[in-house]
N, C-alpha and C. Protein backbone atom coordinates (compact mmCIF):
# COMPACT_ATOMS: atom_id res chain seq x y z
N MET A 1 0.68 -1.45 0.26
CA MET A 1 -0.01 -0.08 0.09
C MET A 1 0.70 0.91 -0.09
N LEU A 2 0.63 2.27 -0.84
CA LEU A 2 1.17 3.68 -1.03
C LEU A 2 1.01 4.48 0.46
N LYS A 3 2.44 4.80 0.90
CA LYS A 3 2.21 5.19 2.06
C LYS A 3 2.22 6.77 2.04
N THR A 4 1.12 7.27 2.73
CA THR A 4 0.66 8.81 2.47
C THR A 4 0.83 9.48 3.92
N TYR A 5 1.24 10.66 3.72
CA TYR A 5 1.53 11.47 5.05
C TYR A 5 0.46 12.53 5.55
N ALA A 6 0.59 12.55 6.95
CA ALA A 6 -0.83 13.95 7.03
C ALA A 6 0.37 14.67 8.37
N VAL A 7 -0.30 16.02 8.21
CA VAL A 7 0.62 17.41 9.09
C VAL A 7 -0.52 16.90 10.14
N VAL A 8 -0.08 16.94 11.43
CA VAL A 8 -0.37 16.99 12.46
C VAL A 8 -0.43 18.49 13.27
N VAL A 9 -1.26 19.13 13.66
CA VAL A 9 -0.96 20.44 14.15
C VAL A 9 -1.84 20.49 15.39
N ILE A 10 -1.15 20.45 16.40
CA ILE A 10 -1.19 20.69 18.02
C ILE A 10 -1.05 22.06 18.36
N PRO A 11 -2.34 22.99 18.70
CA PRO A 11 -2.17 24.14 19.12
C PRO A 11 -2.44 23.75 21.06
N GLN A 12 -1.86 24.73 21.83
CA GLN A 12 -1.90 24.88 23.24
C GLN A 12 -3.33 24.89 23.62
N ALA A 13 -4.28 26.32 22.95
CA ALA A 13 -5.39 26.22 23.67
C ALA A 13 -6.82 25.57 22.82
N HIS A 14 -6.37 24.99 21.59
CA HIS A 14 -7.35 24.34 20.68
C HIS A 14 -7.43 22.89 20.53
N PRO A 15 -8.39 22.22 19.91
CA PRO A 15 -8.08 20.75 19.77
C PRO A 15 -7.20 20.54 18.67
N PRO A 16 -6.25 19.62 18.23
CA PRO A 16 -5.37 19.00 17.40
C PRO A 16 -6.40 18.93 15.94
N ALA A 17 -5.55 19.06 15.02
CA ALA A 17 -5.78 19.03 13.41
C ALA A 17 -4.91 18.53 12.64
N GLN A 18 -5.45 17.33 11.82
CA GLN A 18 -4.65 16.69 10.77
C GLN A 18 -5.48 17.01 9.55
N ILE A 19 -3.85 17.21 8.76
CA ILE A 19 -4.38 17.46 7.51
C ILE A 19 -3.55 16.78 6.64
N GLY A 20 -4.77 16.70 5.57
CA GLY A 20 -3.83 15.17 4.40
C GLY A 20 -4.83 14.85 3.28
N PRO A 21 -4.43 13.61 2.76
CA PRO A 21 -3.42 13.13 2.91
C PRO A 21 -2.22 13.75 1.62
N PHE A 22 -1.17 13.89 2.05
CA PHE A 22 -0.17 14.26 1.31
C PHE A 22 0.86 12.65 0.90
N ILE A 23 1.20 12.67 -0.56
CA ILE A 23 1.88 11.66 -1.24
C ILE A 23 3.37 12.18 -0.87
N SER A 24 3.67 12.80 -0.93
CA SER A 24 5.05 13.49 -0.91
C SER A 24 5.64 13.85 0.35
N LYS A 25 6.40 12.89 1.45
CA LYS A 25 6.98 13.75 2.43
C LYS A 25 7.61 15.10 2.59
N THR A 26 8.28 15.67 1.53
CA THR A 26 8.85 16.60 1.38
C THR A 26 7.59 17.74 1.40
N ASN A 27 6.71 17.65 0.76
CA ASN A 27 5.55 18.64 0.29
C ASN A 27 5.26 18.46 1.94
N ALA A 28 4.85 17.60 2.86
CA ALA A 28 3.89 17.51 3.64
C ALA A 28 5.08 18.47 4.71
N GLU A 29 6.28 18.06 4.86
CA GLU A 29 6.82 18.21 5.80
C GLU A 29 7.11 20.05 5.88
N ARG A 30 7.32 20.83 4.66
CA ARG A 30 7.35 22.05 3.96
C ARG A 30 5.99 22.26 4.69
N TYR A 31 4.62 22.15 4.44
CA TYR A 31 3.67 22.41 4.45
C TYR A 31 3.41 22.41 6.68
N ALA A 32 4.14 21.80 7.05
CA ALA A 32 4.03 21.68 8.26
C ALA A 32 4.90 22.65 8.73
N LYS A 33 6.04 22.81 8.47
CA LYS A 33 6.68 24.13 8.84
C LYS A 33 5.99 25.28 8.54
N ARG A 34 5.63 25.50 7.37
CA ARG A 34 4.88 27.00 6.93
C ARG A 34 3.73 27.47 7.92
N ILE A 35 2.94 26.24 8.58
CA ILE A 35 1.71 26.30 9.30
C ILE A 35 1.83 26.39 11.03
N GLY A 36 3.02 25.66 11.08
CA GLY A 36 3.65 25.75 12.70
C GLY A 36 4.23 26.82 12.64
N SER A 37 4.71 27.60 11.65
CA SER A 37 5.43 29.12 11.83
C SER A 37 4.44 29.98 11.81
N PHE A 38 3.48 29.60 11.08
CA PHE A 38 2.28 30.98 10.99
C PHE A 38 1.56 30.87 11.60
N GLU A 39 1.05 30.05 12.55
CA GLU A 39 0.07 30.35 14.00
C GLU A 39 0.66 30.62 15.19
N THR A 40 2.12 29.85 15.16
CA THR A 40 2.81 30.15 16.37
C THR A 40 2.97 31.82 16.50
N ARG A 41 3.04 32.56 15.61
CA ARG A 41 2.97 34.13 15.24
C ARG A 41 1.92 34.72 15.55
N ARG A 42 0.55 34.11 14.74
CA ARG A 42 -0.72 34.57 15.02
C ARG A 42 -1.39 34.22 16.24
N LEU A 43 -1.15 33.11 17.12
CA LEU A 43 -1.63 32.83 18.52
C LEU A 43 -0.66 33.35 19.36
N GLN A 44 0.28 33.96 18.71
CA GLN A 44 1.45 34.38 19.98
C GLN A 44 1.68 33.15 21.56
N SER A 45 1.48 32.04 20.47
CA SER A 45 1.79 30.55 21.53
C SER A 45 2.36 29.43 20.62
N LYS A 46 3.13 28.55 20.78
CA LYS A 46 3.78 27.39 20.19
C LYS A 46 2.61 26.52 19.91
N VAL A 47 2.78 26.32 18.55
CA VAL A 47 1.92 25.55 17.67
C VAL A 47 3.01 24.82 17.25
N ASP A 48 2.80 23.21 17.43
CA ASP A 48 3.56 22.06 16.87
C ASP A 48 3.22 21.78 15.85
N ALA A 49 3.69 21.21 14.39
CA ALA A 49 3.17 20.88 13.68
C ALA A 49 4.23 20.00 12.87
N PHE A 50 3.79 18.63 12.96
CA PHE A 50 4.86 17.42 12.36
C PHE A 50 4.30 16.74 11.50
N VAL A 51 4.83 15.86 10.42
CA VAL A 51 4.71 14.92 9.71
C VAL A 51 4.36 13.63 10.05
N ALA A 52 3.49 12.65 10.01
CA ALA A 52 3.04 11.40 10.70
C ALA A 52 2.32 10.82 9.81
N THR A 53 2.76 9.65 9.80
CA THR A 53 1.72 8.46 8.71
C THR A 53 0.44 9.00 8.42
N ALA A 54 -0.22 9.03 7.25
CA ALA A 54 -1.52 9.58 7.15
C ALA A 54 -2.46 7.90 7.52
N HIS A 55 -3.35 8.07 8.43
CA HIS A 55 -4.57 7.06 8.93
C HIS A 55 -5.91 7.00 7.62
N PRO A 56 -5.81 6.57 6.53
CA PRO A 56 -7.30 7.27 5.67
C PRO A 56 -8.60 7.11 6.88
N PRO A 57 -8.78 6.44 7.59
CA PRO A 57 -10.03 6.26 8.13
C PRO A 57 -10.45 7.18 9.02
N ARG A 58 -9.31 8.14 9.52
CA ARG A 58 -9.48 9.51 10.46
C ARG A 58 -9.81 10.54 9.47
N GLU A 59 -10.45 11.17 10.42
CA GLU A 59 -10.71 12.64 9.27
C GLU A 59 -9.64 13.59 9.19
N HIS A 60 -9.23 13.97 8.12
CA HIS A 60 -7.98 14.90 7.76
C HIS A 60 -8.58 16.06 7.30
N LEU A 61 -8.25 17.44 7.22
CA LEU A 61 -8.63 18.49 6.67
C LEU A 61 -7.67 18.34 5.11
N ASP A 62 -8.26 18.60 4.07
CA ASP A 62 -7.71 18.52 2.68
C ASP A 62 -6.39 19.46 2.59
N PRO A 63 -5.60 19.21 2.07
CA PRO A 63 -4.19 20.76 2.34
C PRO A 63 -4.57 21.15 1.33
N ARG A 64 -5.44 21.16 0.18
CA ARG A 64 -5.83 22.26 -1.17
C ARG A 64 -6.82 23.00 -0.82
N LEU A 65 -6.72 24.09 -0.18
CA LEU A 65 -8.17 24.82 -0.56
C LEU A 65 -8.25 25.58 -1.83
N PRO A 66 -9.07 25.78 -2.36
CA PRO A 66 -9.51 26.21 -3.21
C PRO A 66 -9.04 27.47 -3.86
N THR A 67 -8.31 28.20 -4.73
CA THR A 67 -7.93 29.07 -4.81
C THR A 67 -8.18 30.26 -5.93
N ASP A 68 -9.26 29.99 -6.46
CA ASP A 68 -10.45 30.35 -6.95
C ASP A 68 -11.23 31.71 -6.14
N PRO A 69 -11.17 33.18 -6.95
CA PRO A 69 -11.94 34.16 -5.65
C PRO A 69 -13.10 33.75 -5.08
N TRP A 70 -14.46 33.11 -6.24
CA TRP A 70 -15.47 33.04 -5.67
C TRP A 70 -15.38 31.86 -4.71
N THR A 71 -14.51 31.15 -4.99
CA THR A 71 -15.04 29.80 -3.76
C THR A 71 -14.62 29.76 -2.51
N LEU A 72 -12.97 30.58 -2.29
CA LEU A 72 -12.60 30.64 -1.44
C LEU A 72 -13.35 31.77 -0.64
N GLY A 73 -13.73 32.75 -0.93
CA GLY A 73 -14.41 33.87 -0.93
C GLY A 73 -15.67 33.35 0.29
N THR A 74 -16.24 32.39 -0.71
CA THR A 74 -17.46 31.73 0.22
C THR A 74 -17.34 31.08 1.32
N LEU A 75 -16.04 30.04 1.08
CA LEU A 75 -15.03 29.74 2.49
C LEU A 75 -15.08 30.60 3.86
N ILE A 76 -14.31 31.69 3.20
CA ILE A 76 -13.98 33.02 4.53
C ILE A 76 -15.03 33.05 4.83
N ASP A 77 -16.16 33.45 4.56
CA ASP A 77 -17.72 33.86 4.93
C ASP A 77 -18.17 33.27 5.71
N GLU A 78 -17.93 31.83 5.36
CA GLU A 78 -18.41 30.63 6.14
C GLU A 78 -17.92 30.70 7.69
N GLN A 79 -16.43 30.36 7.56
CA GLN A 79 -15.12 30.43 8.54
C GLN A 79 -15.15 31.88 9.47
N GLU A 80 -15.66 32.82 9.09
CA GLU A 80 -15.35 34.09 9.47
C GLU A 80 -15.48 34.59 10.98
N ASN A 81 -16.24 34.34 11.78
CA ASN A 81 -16.20 34.42 13.39
C ASN A 81 -15.78 33.01 13.78
N GLN A 82 -15.66 32.28 13.37
CA GLN A 82 -15.00 30.76 13.99
C GLN A 82 -13.80 30.71 14.40
N ASP A 83 -13.30 30.36 15.78
CA ASP A 83 -12.00 30.25 15.97
C ASP A 83 -11.75 28.93 16.30
N VAL A 84 -11.04 28.54 14.81
CA VAL A 84 -10.12 27.50 14.50
C VAL A 84 -9.06 27.75 14.45
N VAL A 85 -7.95 26.14 14.48
CA VAL A 85 -6.71 26.28 14.38
C VAL A 85 -6.51 25.20 13.95
N PRO A 86 -5.87 24.98 12.39
CA PRO A 86 -5.46 25.97 11.58
C PRO A 86 -6.90 27.00 10.72
N CYS A 87 -6.30 27.97 11.21
CA CYS A 87 -7.49 29.58 10.28
C CYS A 87 -7.04 29.38 8.98
N LEU A 88 -7.95 29.48 7.85
CA LEU A 88 -8.07 29.03 6.61
C LEU A 88 -6.92 30.16 5.74
N TYR A 89 -6.24 31.09 6.61
CA TYR A 89 -5.55 31.83 5.88
C TYR A 89 -3.74 31.21 5.85
N ALA A 90 -4.14 30.39 7.59
CA ALA A 90 -2.88 29.60 7.79
C ALA A 90 -2.67 28.44 6.90
N ARG A 91 -3.87 27.95 6.24
CA ARG A 91 -3.84 26.76 5.41
C ARG A 91 -3.22 27.45 4.08
N LEU A 92 -3.85 28.40 3.73
CA LEU A 92 -3.56 28.84 2.30
C LEU A 92 -1.83 29.60 2.20
N HIS A 93 -1.64 29.97 3.42
CA HIS A 93 0.14 30.35 3.28
C HIS A 93 0.49 29.07 3.30
N ALA A 94 0.42 27.89 3.99
CA ALA A 94 0.94 26.76 3.88
C ALA A 94 0.98 26.06 2.62
N GLN A 95 0.01 26.37 2.10
CA GLN A 95 -0.25 25.69 0.69
C GLN A 95 0.74 26.35 -0.46
N LEU A 96 0.68 28.07 -0.46
CA LEU A 96 0.66 28.68 -1.40
C LEU A 96 2.38 29.10 -1.08
N GLY A 97 2.65 29.36 -0.26
CA GLY A 97 3.82 30.47 0.41
C GLY A 97 3.50 31.84 0.30
N ALA A 98 3.75 32.26 0.98
CA ALA A 98 3.36 33.91 1.70
C ALA A 98 2.65 34.81 0.74
N ASP A 99 3.61 35.54 -0.43
CA ASP A 99 3.69 36.18 -1.25
C ASP A 99 2.01 35.93 -2.07
N THR A 100 2.05 34.59 -2.53
CA THR A 100 0.70 34.32 -3.49
C THR A 100 -0.28 33.89 -2.39
N ALA A 101 -0.42 33.21 -1.24
CA ALA A 101 -1.48 33.49 -0.37
C ALA A 101 -1.92 34.65 -0.43
N GLU A 102 -1.20 35.77 -0.28
CA GLU A 102 -1.46 37.19 0.48
C GLU A 102 -2.69 37.82 -0.97
N GLU A 103 -1.86 37.43 -2.03
CA GLU A 103 -2.48 37.85 -3.52
C GLU A 103 -3.97 37.23 -3.33
N VAL A 104 -3.68 36.07 -3.25
CA VAL A 104 -5.08 34.85 -3.58
C VAL A 104 -6.07 35.32 -2.63
N TRP A 105 -5.72 35.68 -1.53
CA TRP A 105 -6.51 36.01 -0.02
C TRP A 105 -7.50 37.32 -0.47
N SER A 106 -6.42 38.31 -0.75
CA SER A 106 -6.75 39.64 -1.05
C SER A 106 -8.01 39.69 -2.15
N ARG A 107 -7.65 39.20 -3.51
CA ARG A 107 -8.69 38.76 -4.47
C ARG A 107 -10.24 37.97 -4.08
N ALA A 108 -9.86 37.08 -2.85
CA ALA A 108 -10.86 36.71 -2.43
C ALA A 108 -11.94 37.39 -1.36
N THR A 109 -11.32 38.54 -1.06
CA THR A 109 -11.82 39.04 -0.01
C THR A 109 -12.12 40.31 -0.70
N GLY A 110 -11.89 40.76 -2.22
CA GLY A 110 -12.22 41.90 -2.70
C GLY A 110 -11.45 43.17 -2.77
N TRP A 111 -9.81 42.70 -2.17
CA TRP A 111 -9.09 43.75 -2.11
C TRP A 111 -8.18 44.08 -2.56
N GLY A 112 -7.99 43.47 -3.79
CA GLY A 112 -7.02 43.57 -5.18
C GLY A 112 -6.44 42.32 -5.33
N GLY A 113 -5.47 42.63 -6.08
CA GLY A 113 -4.86 41.08 -6.90
C GLY A 113 -4.54 41.98 -8.43
N SER A 114 -3.92 41.73 -9.09
CA SER A 114 -3.84 41.97 -10.34
C SER A 114 -4.17 40.79 -11.46
N GLU A 115 -4.28 41.14 -12.57
CA GLU A 115 -4.73 39.89 -13.23
C GLU A 115 -3.41 38.30 -13.70
N ASP A 116 -2.69 38.92 -13.54
CA ASP A 116 -1.02 38.29 -13.57
C ASP A 116 -1.09 37.67 -12.46
N SER A 117 -1.70 38.03 -11.08
CA SER A 117 -1.25 36.97 -10.29
C SER A 117 -2.03 35.76 -10.06
N GLY A 118 -2.71 35.71 -10.97
CA GLY A 118 -3.23 34.26 -11.10
C GLY A 118 -2.37 33.18 -11.67
N ARG A 119 -1.68 33.54 -12.60
CA ARG A 119 -0.37 32.87 -13.80
C ARG A 119 0.23 32.67 -12.46
N GLU A 120 0.72 33.21 -11.59
CA GLU A 120 2.28 33.13 -10.77
C GLU A 120 1.00 32.38 -9.70
N GLN A 121 0.33 31.81 -9.58
CA GLN A 121 -0.07 30.90 -7.81
C GLN A 121 -0.37 29.47 -9.02
N LEU A 122 -1.03 29.33 -10.40
CA LEU A 122 -0.60 28.51 -11.14
C LEU A 122 0.32 27.60 -11.39
N LEU A 123 1.35 28.33 -11.31
CA LEU A 123 2.76 27.95 -11.72
C LEU A 123 3.09 27.31 -10.55
N ALA A 124 2.88 28.11 -9.19
CA ALA A 124 3.19 27.06 -8.24
C ALA A 124 2.67 26.07 -7.72
N SER A 125 1.52 26.22 -7.65
CA SER A 125 0.33 24.81 -7.56
C SER A 125 0.90 23.92 -8.84
N ALA A 126 1.03 24.01 -9.68
CA ALA A 126 1.58 23.00 -10.53
C ALA A 126 3.30 22.51 -10.37
N GLU A 127 3.70 23.58 -9.82
CA GLU A 127 5.48 22.84 -8.89
C GLU A 127 4.75 22.05 -7.96
N ASP A 128 3.84 21.94 -6.88
CA ASP A 128 3.54 21.47 -6.06
C ASP A 128 2.65 19.81 -6.42
N TRP A 129 1.91 20.22 -7.47
CA TRP A 129 1.33 18.81 -7.97
C TRP A 129 2.20 17.69 -8.75
N ARG A 130 3.30 18.32 -9.51
CA ARG A 130 4.24 17.78 -10.01
C ARG A 130 5.11 17.36 -9.23
N SER A 131 5.66 17.80 -8.26
CA SER A 131 6.51 16.75 -7.12
C SER A 131 6.00 15.86 -6.64
N GLN A 132 4.53 15.70 -6.52
CA GLN A 132 3.57 15.24 -5.79
C GLN A 132 3.71 13.85 -6.67
N ARG A 133 3.18 14.21 -7.99
CA ARG A 133 3.23 12.88 -9.11
C ARG A 133 4.26 12.38 -8.75
N LEU A 134 5.96 13.06 -8.65
CA LEU A 134 6.73 12.56 -9.45
C LEU A 134 7.06 11.48 -8.14
N GLY A 135 6.65 11.93 -7.13
CA GLY A 135 6.52 10.95 -5.83
C GLY A 135 6.31 9.52 -6.08
N ALA A 136 4.82 9.96 -6.39
CA ALA A 136 3.91 8.61 -6.74
C ALA A 136 4.37 7.78 -7.58
N GLY A 137 5.10 8.11 -8.63
CA GLY A 137 5.78 7.84 -9.32
C GLY A 137 6.62 6.48 -8.89
N VAL A 138 7.31 7.00 -8.33
CA VAL A 138 8.80 6.15 -7.36
C VAL A 138 8.02 5.23 -6.71
N ALA A 139 7.36 5.60 -6.15
CA ALA A 139 6.29 4.81 -4.74
C ALA A 139 5.86 3.55 -5.32
N LEU A 140 5.05 3.96 -6.47
CA LEU A 140 4.39 3.05 -7.54
C LEU A 140 4.91 1.94 -8.09
N LYS A 141 6.23 2.20 -8.34
CA LYS A 141 7.52 1.41 -8.84
C LYS A 141 7.75 0.60 -8.15
N ARG A 142 8.52 1.19 -6.76
CA ARG A 142 8.58 0.05 -5.82
C ARG A 142 7.55 -0.98 -5.01
N ILE A 143 6.00 -0.22 -5.16
CA ILE A 143 5.47 -1.64 -4.96
C ILE A 143 5.42 -2.14 -5.70
N ALA A 144 5.42 -1.99 -7.58
CA ALA A 144 5.38 -3.30 -8.36
C ALA A 144 6.35 -4.10 -7.69
N VAL A 145 7.47 -3.74 -7.85
CA VAL A 145 8.68 -4.81 -7.20
C VAL A 145 8.36 -5.21 -5.98
N GLU A 146 7.78 -4.60 -5.20
CA GLU A 146 7.18 -5.77 -3.80
C GLU A 146 6.21 -6.46 -3.93
N LEU A 147 5.61 -6.27 -4.91
CA LEU A 147 4.25 -7.23 -5.59
C LEU A 147 4.49 -8.41 -6.00
N TRP A 148 5.80 -8.19 -7.02
CA TRP A 148 6.25 -9.47 -7.52
C TRP A 148 7.16 -10.25 -6.35
N ASN A 149 7.93 -9.46 -5.67
CA ASN A 149 8.75 -10.08 -4.71
C ASN A 149 7.80 -11.12 -3.62
N ASP A 150 6.48 -10.80 -3.27
CA ASP A 150 5.93 -11.05 -2.76
C ASP A 150 4.64 -12.32 -3.37
N GLY A 151 5.21 -12.77 -4.49
CA GLY A 151 4.29 -13.66 -5.05
C GLY A 151 3.40 -13.33 -6.56
N MET A 152 3.25 -12.09 -6.45
CA MET A 152 2.58 -11.57 -7.64
C MET A 152 3.01 -11.54 -8.96
N GLU A 153 3.20 -12.39 -9.42
CA GLU A 153 3.85 -12.56 -10.65
C GLU A 153 3.84 -12.51 -12.10
N ASN A 154 2.51 -11.74 -12.42
CA ASN A 154 1.49 -11.60 -13.10
C ASN A 154 1.41 -10.43 -13.55
N VAL A 155 2.23 -9.46 -14.71
CA VAL A 155 2.62 -8.38 -15.01
C VAL A 155 0.97 -7.52 -15.27
N GLN A 156 -0.23 -8.40 -15.48
CA GLN A 156 -1.46 -7.29 -16.11
C GLN A 156 -1.93 -7.14 -14.85
N ASP A 157 -1.90 -8.26 -13.61
CA ASP A 157 -2.20 -7.90 -12.08
C ASP A 157 -1.24 -6.86 -11.62
N ILE A 158 -0.27 -6.86 -11.68
CA ILE A 158 0.03 -5.76 -10.97
C ILE A 158 0.22 -4.64 -11.73
N ARG A 159 0.20 -4.09 -13.07
CA ARG A 159 -0.21 -3.52 -13.82
C ARG A 159 -2.04 -2.56 -12.99
N ARG A 160 -2.89 -3.39 -13.23
CA ARG A 160 -4.04 -3.15 -12.85
C ARG A 160 -3.92 -2.33 -11.50
N ALA A 161 -2.97 -3.27 -10.51
CA ALA A 161 -2.88 -2.41 -9.14
C ALA A 161 -2.34 -1.04 -8.83
N THR A 162 -1.33 -1.09 -10.02
CA THR A 162 -0.69 0.44 -9.96
C THR A 162 -0.80 1.30 -10.54
N GLY A 163 -1.11 1.06 -12.04
CA GLY A 163 -2.11 1.76 -13.03
C GLY A 163 -0.67 2.22 -14.00
N LEU A 164 0.51 1.73 -13.77
CA LEU A 164 1.75 1.21 -14.54
C LEU A 164 1.86 0.57 -15.71
N SER A 165 2.45 1.16 -16.87
CA SER A 165 2.26 1.13 -17.57
C SER A 165 2.48 -0.77 -17.91
N ARG A 166 3.09 -1.66 -18.81
CA ARG A 166 3.58 -2.69 -19.23
C ARG A 166 4.98 -2.29 -19.43
N THR A 167 4.99 -1.58 -20.11
CA THR A 167 6.93 -1.09 -20.83
C THR A 167 7.32 -0.84 -19.49
N THR A 168 7.01 -0.10 -18.32
CA THR A 168 7.24 0.95 -17.11
C THR A 168 7.14 -0.27 -16.30
N LEU A 169 6.59 -0.99 -16.05
CA LEU A 169 6.92 -2.45 -15.25
C LEU A 169 8.00 -3.43 -15.56
N TYR A 170 7.80 -4.14 -16.67
CA TYR A 170 9.32 -4.57 -17.24
C TYR A 170 10.49 -3.82 -17.20
N GLU A 171 10.57 -2.38 -17.32
CA GLU A 171 11.85 -1.84 -17.14
C GLU A 171 12.36 -1.83 -15.26
N VAL A 172 11.17 -1.65 -14.83
CA VAL A 172 11.46 -1.61 -13.49
C VAL A 172 11.85 -2.99 -12.83
N LEU A 173 11.15 -3.99 -13.10
CA LEU A 173 11.52 -5.27 -12.76
C LEU A 173 13.03 -5.73 -12.80
N ARG A 174 13.28 -5.45 -14.43
CA ARG A 174 14.53 -5.66 -14.51
C ARG A 174 15.57 -4.94 -14.41
N ALA A 175 15.04 -3.37 -13.79
CA ALA A 175 16.55 -2.55 -13.21
C ALA A 175 16.93 -3.41 -11.66
N SER A 176 15.54 -4.07 -10.86
CA SER A 176 15.56 -5.20 -10.05
C SER A 176 16.26 -5.69 -9.53
N GLY A 177 16.47 -6.44 -11.21
CA GLY A 177 17.29 -7.98 -11.43
C GLY A 177 16.73 -8.84 -11.48
N ILE A 178 15.20 -8.51 -11.70
CA ILE A 178 14.39 -9.57 -11.61
C ILE A 178 13.86 -9.92 -13.42
N ASP A 179 13.88 -10.97 -13.89
CA ASP A 179 13.47 -10.92 -15.70
C ASP A 179 11.81 -11.68 -15.38
N PRO A 180 10.84 -10.72 -16.00
CA PRO A 180 9.59 -11.75 -15.61
C PRO A 180 9.39 -12.37 -16.68
N ALA A 181 10.60 -12.21 -17.69
CA ALA A 181 9.70 -13.23 -19.04
C ALA A 181 10.35 -14.92 -18.34
N THR A 182 11.15 -14.91 -17.51
CA THR A 182 11.64 -16.16 -16.74
C THR A 182 11.32 -16.75 -15.61
N ARG A 183 10.19 -15.93 -15.16
CA ARG A 183 9.27 -16.69 -13.90
C ARG A 183 9.10 -18.04 -14.07
N ASP A 184 9.24 -18.72 -12.56
CA ASP A 184 8.53 -20.16 -12.50
C ASP A 184 7.56 -20.26 -12.85
N PRO A 185 7.06 -21.52 -14.02
CA PRO A 185 5.96 -21.60 -14.12
C PRO A 185 4.76 -22.25 -13.18
N GLY A 186 5.73 -22.64 -12.05
CA GLY A 186 4.79 -23.14 -10.93
C GLY A 186 4.75 -25.07 -11.18
N PRO A 187 4.33 -25.89 -10.38
CA PRO A 187 4.03 -27.41 -10.87
C PRO A 187 2.77 -27.17 -11.48
């Protein structure tokens, strides 16, 4: 099973929150660092934020907030008078970085933002998704080898389980010292 990560946020005077899942541990670590430091400054008390293994049955906040002005503005209005940690702005800051978060927030609240600021946000978002995709590809290749070593010696079954192409599976298996063409057909 693909290992995913969650950011656990533990403020002193509020209930803890879990944000995730993240496919890339690096993205989760960056998110945890940003959200922990932002909320510590905002609340003026220590807020711990760290990365843990995600547990799908547990409730997690989505790490990706919408960035279009209308949808984000609606969320802001819904949570306007709530004392929630992490707040929406902290989550947006962790997701996009300080400068882009400020621009997106300003447009969502009607306080400004130029037409070009959307492009910067989209580029930052594309970079995050690209690095998560690369991390997922590496993890799926590792899983394919583990499935083969665990006795699943049918390339089609592994392909269905991982979504990797037949060509990619053969390359990954051969790179791991496995020749799928010479598997033991059994008794």
